[in-house]
Structure formats: structure tokens, C-alpha cells
Amino acid sequence: MFGLFKKKSKNEILMIQYKKLMEEAFRLSKINRAESDSKIAEANELIEGIDQNKE
């Protein structure tokens, strides 16, 4: 309850975006493999951004 109004860090926001991209990539993998690969590439770019923020 005390964390209700806590502002999310940049890494937390990026992790949420990463999770959404991976879920969409999984859904697309059953329909269109090329679009799925594109979403996975976007997710990998986000992971690289997260790694750079940690340093």
C-alpha cells in the first residue's frame, strides 16, 4: 500500500515493455513468423538498454 504512488524506475518501465513485446512475439509466432522475429529483435534492443543503464 505504501508503494502505491511510488514512481517506477527506468529499468522497471523497460522490463514491462520487454515483457509485452515478448508476449506479442509469442502470439505472432503462431501466425506470422517474420513479425514475431521483428518483435524479438525490438525486445533484445530493450534488454541492451537495460544492461547499459545498470552500468
PDB file of N, CA and C in Angstrom:
ATOM      1  N   MET A   1       0.807  -1.183   0.000  1.00  0.00           N
ATOM      2  CA  MET A   1       0.000   0.000   0.000  1.00  0.00           C
ATOM      3  C   MET A   1       0.856   1.254   0.000  1.00  0.00           C
ATOM      4  N   PHE A   2       1.992   1.220   0.681  1.00  0.00           N
ATOM      5  CA  PHE A   2       2.831   2.400   0.735  1.00  0.00           C
ATOM      6  C   PHE A   2       3.574   2.639  -0.573  1.00  0.00           C
ATOM      7  N   GLY A   3       3.673   1.623  -1.414  1.00  0.00           N
ATOM      8  CA  GLY A   3       4.314   1.764  -2.716  1.00  0.00           C
ATOM      9  C   GLY A   3       3.327   2.124  -3.811  1.00  0.00           C
ATOM     10  N   LEU A   4       2.112   2.464  -3.425  1.00  0.00           N
ATOM     11  CA  LEU A   4       1.058   2.740  -4.392  1.00  0.00           C
ATOM     12  C   LEU A   4       1.419   3.890  -5.316  1.00  0.00           C
ATOM     13  N   PHE A   5       1.998   4.953  -4.783  1.00  0.00           N
ATOM     14  CA  PHE A   5       2.315   6.127  -5.581  1.00  0.00           C
ATOM     15  C   PHE A   5       3.802   6.225  -5.903  1.00  0.00           C
ATOM     16  N   LYS A   6       4.514   5.150  -5.711  1.00  0.00           N
ATOM     17  CA  LYS A   6       5.942   5.123  -5.985  1.00  0.00           C
ATOM     18  C   LYS A   6       6.159   5.195  -7.489  1.00  0.00           C
ATOM     19  N   LYS A   7       7.044   6.058  -7.917  1.00  0.00           N
ATOM     20  CA  LYS A   7       7.363   6.209  -9.326  1.00  0.00           C
ATOM     21  C   LYS A   7       8.267   5.056  -9.757  1.00  0.00           C
ATOM     22  N   LYS A   8       7.969   4.486 -10.911  1.00  0.00           N
ATOM     23  CA  LYS A   8       8.761   3.363 -11.406  1.00  0.00           C
ATOM     24  C   LYS A   8      10.069   3.874 -11.993  1.00  0.00           C
ATOM     25  N   SER A   9      11.113   3.074 -11.796  1.00  0.00           N
ATOM     26  CA  SER A   9      12.412   3.436 -12.351  1.00  0.00           C
ATOM     27  C   SER A   9      12.412   3.157 -13.848  1.00  0.00           C
ATOM     28  N   LYS A  10      13.414   3.684 -14.503  1.00  0.00           N
ATOM     29  CA  LYS A  10      13.527   3.498 -15.956  1.00  0.00           C
ATOM     30  C   LYS A  10      13.681   2.012 -16.287  1.00  0.00           C
ATOM     31  N   ASN A  11      14.442   1.291 -15.461  1.00  0.00           N
ATOM     32  CA  ASN A  11      14.629  -0.138 -15.708  1.00  0.00           C
ATOM     33  C   ASN A  11      13.321  -0.913 -15.565  1.00  0.00           C
ATOM     34  N   GLU A  12      12.497  -0.543 -14.580  1.00  0.00           N
ATOM     35  CA  GLU A  12      11.211  -1.217 -14.405  1.00  0.00           C
ATOM     36  C   GLU A  12      10.298  -0.978 -15.605  1.00  0.00           C
ATOM     37  N   ILE A  13      10.302   0.238 -16.122  1.00  0.00           N
ATOM     38  CA  ILE A  13       9.486   0.557 -17.295  1.00  0.00           C
ATOM     39  C   ILE A  13       9.960  -0.239 -18.501  1.00  0.00           C
ATOM     40  N   LEU A  14      11.274  -0.324 -18.679  1.00  0.00           N
ATOM     41  CA  LEU A  14      11.825  -1.084 -19.802  1.00  0.00           C
ATOM     42  C   LEU A  14      11.509  -2.577 -19.676  1.00  0.00           C
ATOM     43  N   MET A  15      11.533  -3.102 -18.455  1.00  0.00           N
ATOM     44  CA  MET A  15      11.215  -4.517 -18.258  1.00  0.00           C
ATOM     45  C   MET A  15       9.746  -4.801 -18.580  1.00  0.00           C
ATOM     46  N   ILE A  16       8.852  -3.872 -18.249  1.00  0.00           N
ATOM     47  CA  ILE A  16       7.439  -4.041 -18.581  1.00  0.00           C
ATOM     48  C   ILE A  16       7.261  -4.043 -20.094  1.00  0.00           C
ATOM     49  N   GLN A  17       7.952  -3.128 -20.790  1.00  0.00           N
ATOM     50  CA  GLN A  17       7.875  -3.087 -22.247  1.00  0.00           C
ATOM     51  C   GLN A  17       8.440  -4.365 -22.852  1.00  0.00           C
ATOM     52  N   TYR A  18       9.547  -4.867 -22.275  1.00  0.00           N
ATOM     53  CA  TYR A  18      10.157  -6.105 -22.758  1.00  0.00           C
ATOM     54  C   TYR A  18       9.181  -7.273 -22.636  1.00  0.00           C
ATOM     55  N   LYS A  19       8.528  -7.358 -21.495  1.00  0.00           N
ATOM     56  CA  LYS A  19       7.579  -8.443 -21.268  1.00  0.00           C
ATOM     57  C   LYS A  19       6.432  -8.387 -22.281  1.00  0.00           C
ATOM     58  N   LYS A  20       5.912  -7.189 -22.536  1.00  0.00           N
ATOM     59  CA  LYS A  20       4.826  -7.039 -23.504  1.00  0.00           C
ATOM     60  C   LYS A  20       5.267  -7.443 -24.905  1.00  0.00           C
ATOM     61  N   LEU A  21       6.485  -7.033 -25.287  1.00  0.00           N
ATOM     62  CA  LEU A  21       6.996  -7.398 -26.608  1.00  0.00           C
ATOM     63  C   LEU A  21       7.169  -8.905 -26.744  1.00  0.00           C
ATOM     64  N   MET A  22       7.665  -9.547 -25.709  1.00  0.00           N
ATOM     65  CA  MET A  22       7.867 -10.997 -25.776  1.00  0.00           C
ATOM     66  C   MET A  22       6.533 -11.739 -25.835  1.00  0.00           C
ATOM     67  N   GLU A  23       5.525 -11.252 -25.113  1.00  0.00           N
ATOM     68  CA  GLU A  23       4.201 -11.879 -25.179  1.00  0.00           C
ATOM     69  C   GLU A  23       3.604 -11.736 -26.574  1.00  0.00           C
ATOM     70  N   GLU A  24       3.771 -10.555 -27.165  1.00  0.00           N
ATOM     71  CA  GLU A  24       3.246 -10.338 -28.511  1.00  0.00           C
ATOM     72  C   GLU A  24       4.012 -11.180 -29.527  1.00  0.00           C
ATOM     73  N   ALA A  25       5.328 -11.306 -29.349  1.00  0.00           N
ATOM     74  CA  ALA A  25       6.134 -12.130 -30.246  1.00  0.00           C
ATOM     75  C   ALA A  25       5.681 -13.586 -30.172  1.00  0.00           C
ATOM     76  N   PHE A  26       5.373 -14.061 -28.983  1.00  0.00           N
ATOM     77  CA  PHE A  26       4.896 -15.441 -28.830  1.00  0.00           C
ATOM     78  C   PHE A  26       3.568 -15.636 -29.555  1.00  0.00           C
ATOM     79  N   ARG A  27       2.671 -14.662 -29.394  1.00  0.00           N
ATOM     80  CA  ARG A  27       1.372 -14.745 -30.059  1.00  0.00           C
ATOM     81  C   ARG A  27       1.547 -14.725 -31.582  1.00  0.00           C
ATOM     82  N   LEU A  28       2.444 -13.863 -32.072  1.00  0.00           N
ATOM     83  CA  LEU A  28       2.668 -13.754 -33.512  1.00  0.00           C
ATOM     84  C   LEU A  28       3.402 -14.963 -34.078  1.00  0.00           C
ATOM     85  N   SER A  29       4.143 -15.680 -33.251  1.00  0.00           N
ATOM     86  CA  SER A  29       4.909 -16.827 -33.740  1.00  0.00           C
ATOM     87  C   SER A  29       3.997 -17.907 -34.320  1.00  0.00           C
ATOM     88  N   LYS A  30       2.754 -17.912 -33.890  1.00  0.00           N
ATOM     89  CA  LYS A  30       1.803 -18.891 -34.399  1.00  0.00           C
ATOM     90  C   LYS A  30       1.151 -18.427 -35.705  1.00  0.00           C
ATOM     91  N   ILE A  31       1.240 -17.121 -35.984  1.00  0.00           N
ATOM     92  CA  ILE A  31       0.552 -16.548 -37.132  1.00  0.00           C
ATOM     93  C   ILE A  31       1.532 -16.120 -38.222  1.00  0.00           C
ATOM     94  N   ASN A  32       2.513 -15.294 -37.831  1.00  0.00           N
ATOM     95  CA  ASN A  32       3.436 -14.716 -38.794  1.00  0.00           C
ATOM     96  C   ASN A  32       4.836 -14.687 -38.188  1.00  0.00           C
ATOM     97  N   ARG A  33       5.663 -15.577 -38.655  1.00  0.00           N
ATOM     98  CA  ARG A  33       6.997 -15.741 -38.072  1.00  0.00           C
ATOM     99  C   ARG A  33       7.872 -14.505 -38.276  1.00  0.00           C
ATOM    100  N   ALA A  34       7.750 -13.824 -39.408  1.00  0.00           N
ATOM    101  CA  ALA A  34       8.583 -12.646 -39.689  1.00  0.00           C
ATOM    102  C   ALA A  34       8.277 -11.522 -38.699  1.00  0.00           C
ATOM    103  N   GLU A  35       7.014 -11.275 -38.427  1.00  0.00           N
ATOM    104  CA  GLU A  35       6.642 -10.245 -37.460  1.00  0.00           C
ATOM    105  C   GLU A  35       7.092 -10.633 -36.054  1.00  0.00           C
ATOM    106  N   SER A  36       7.023 -11.909 -35.744  1.00  0.00           N
ATOM    107  CA  SER A  36       7.480 -12.395 -34.450  1.00  0.00           C
ATOM    108  C   SER A  36       8.977 -12.125 -34.276  1.00  0.00           C
ATOM    109  N   ASP A  37       9.753 -12.402 -35.307  1.00  0.00           N
ATOM    110  CA  ASP A  37      11.191 -12.147 -35.248  1.00  0.00           C
ATOM    111  C   ASP A  37      11.483 -10.663 -35.070  1.00  0.00           C
ATOM    112  N   SER A  38      10.670  -9.821 -35.691  1.00  0.00           N
ATOM    113  CA  SER A  38      10.830  -8.378 -35.547  1.00  0.00           C
ATOM    114  C   SER A  38      10.590  -7.948 -34.100  1.00  0.00           C
ATOM    115  N   LYS A  39       9.564  -8.494 -33.468  1.00  0.00           N
ATOM    116  CA  LYS A  39       9.263  -8.163 -32.073  1.00  0.00           C
ATOM    117  C   LYS A  39      10.372  -8.644 -31.146  1.00  0.00           C
ATOM    118  N   ILE A  40      10.922  -9.807 -31.437  1.00  0.00           N
ATOM    119  CA  ILE A  40      12.021 -10.329 -30.623  1.00  0.00           C
ATOM    120  C   ILE A  40      13.248  -9.429 -30.747  1.00  0.00           C
ATOM    121  N   ALA A  41      13.504  -8.917 -31.953  1.00  0.00           N
ATOM    122  CA  ALA A  41      14.625  -8.005 -32.159  1.00  0.00           C
ATOM    123  C   ALA A  41      14.426  -6.721 -31.351  1.00  0.00           C
ATOM    124  N   GLU A  42      13.202  -6.190 -31.337  1.00  0.00           N
ATOM    125  CA  GLU A  42      12.906  -4.997 -30.536  1.00  0.00           C
ATOM    126  C   GLU A  42      13.131  -5.286 -29.050  1.00  0.00           C
ATOM    127  N   ALA A  43      12.697  -6.450 -28.604  1.00  0.00           N
ATOM    128  CA  ALA A  43      12.866  -6.823 -27.195  1.00  0.00           C
ATOM    129  C   ALA A  43      14.344  -6.931 -26.838  1.00  0.00           C
ATOM    130  N   ASN A  44      15.150  -7.464 -27.748  1.00  0.00           N
ATOM    131  CA  ASN A  44      16.582  -7.574 -27.490  1.00  0.00           C
ATOM    132  C   ASN A  44      17.240  -6.205 -27.389  1.00  0.00           C
ATOM    133  N   GLU A  45      16.761  -5.240 -28.173  1.00  0.00           N
ATOM    134  CA  GLU A  45      17.279  -3.876 -28.074  1.00  0.00           C
ATOM    135  C   GLU A  45      16.955  -3.280 -26.700  1.00  0.00           C
ATOM    136  N   LEU A  46      15.768  -3.566 -26.195  1.00  0.00           N
ATOM    137  CA  LEU A  46      15.398  -3.076 -24.866  1.00  0.00           C
ATOM    138  C   LEU A  46      16.299  -3.674 -23.787  1.00  0.00           C
ATOM    139  N   ILE A  47      16.599  -4.958 -23.920  1.00  0.00           N
ATOM    140  CA  ILE A  47      17.482  -5.616 -22.948  1.00  0.00           C
ATOM    141  C   ILE A  47      18.858  -4.961 -22.959  1.00  0.00           C
ATOM    142  N   GLU A  48      19.364  -4.623 -24.145  1.00  0.00           N
ATOM    143  CA  GLU A  48      20.649  -3.951 -24.221  1.00  0.00           C
ATOM    144  C   GLU A  48      20.584  -2.590 -23.522  1.00  0.00           C
ATOM    145  N   GLY A  49      19.455  -1.882 -23.669  1.00  0.00           N
ATOM    146  CA  GLY A  49      19.278  -0.602 -22.989  1.00  0.00           C
ATOM    147  C   GLY A  49      19.261  -0.770 -21.479  1.00  0.00           C
ATOM    148  N   ILE A  50      18.629  -1.833 -21.012  1.00  0.00           N
ATOM    149  CA  ILE A  50      18.587  -2.106 -19.572  1.00  0.00           C
ATOM    150  C   ILE A  50      20.002  -2.389 -19.064  1.00  0.00           C
ATOM    151  N   ASP A  51      20.754  -3.186 -19.818  1.00  0.00           N
ATOM    152  CA  ASP A  51      22.122  -3.511 -19.402  1.00  0.00           C
ATOM    153  C   ASP A  51      22.999  -2.257 -19.344  1.00  0.00           C
ATOM    154  N   GLN A  52      22.788  -1.335 -20.271  1.00  0.00           N
ATOM    155  CA  GLN A  52      23.585  -0.115 -20.272  1.00  0.00           C
ATOM    156  C   GLN A  52      23.228   0.778 -19.087  1.00  0.00           C
ATOM    157  N   ASN A  53      21.963   0.763 -18.676  1.00  0.00           N
ATOM    158  CA  ASN A  53      21.551   1.584 -17.538  1.00  0.00           C
ATOM    159  C   ASN A  53      22.116   1.074 -16.229  1.00  0.00           C
ATOM    160  N   LYS A  54      22.371  -0.230 -16.141  1.00  0.00           N
ATOM    161  CA  LYS A  54      22.885  -0.808 -14.905  1.00  0.00           C
ATOM    162  C   LYS A  54      24.329  -0.398 -14.667  1.00  0.00           C
ATOM    163  N   GLU A  55      25.053  -0.143 -15.731  1.00  0.00           N
ATOM    164  CA  GLU A  55      26.483   0.174 -15.586  1.00  0.00           C
ATOM    165  C   GLU A  55      26.717   1.579 -15.151  1.00  0.00           C
TER     166      GLU A  55
END
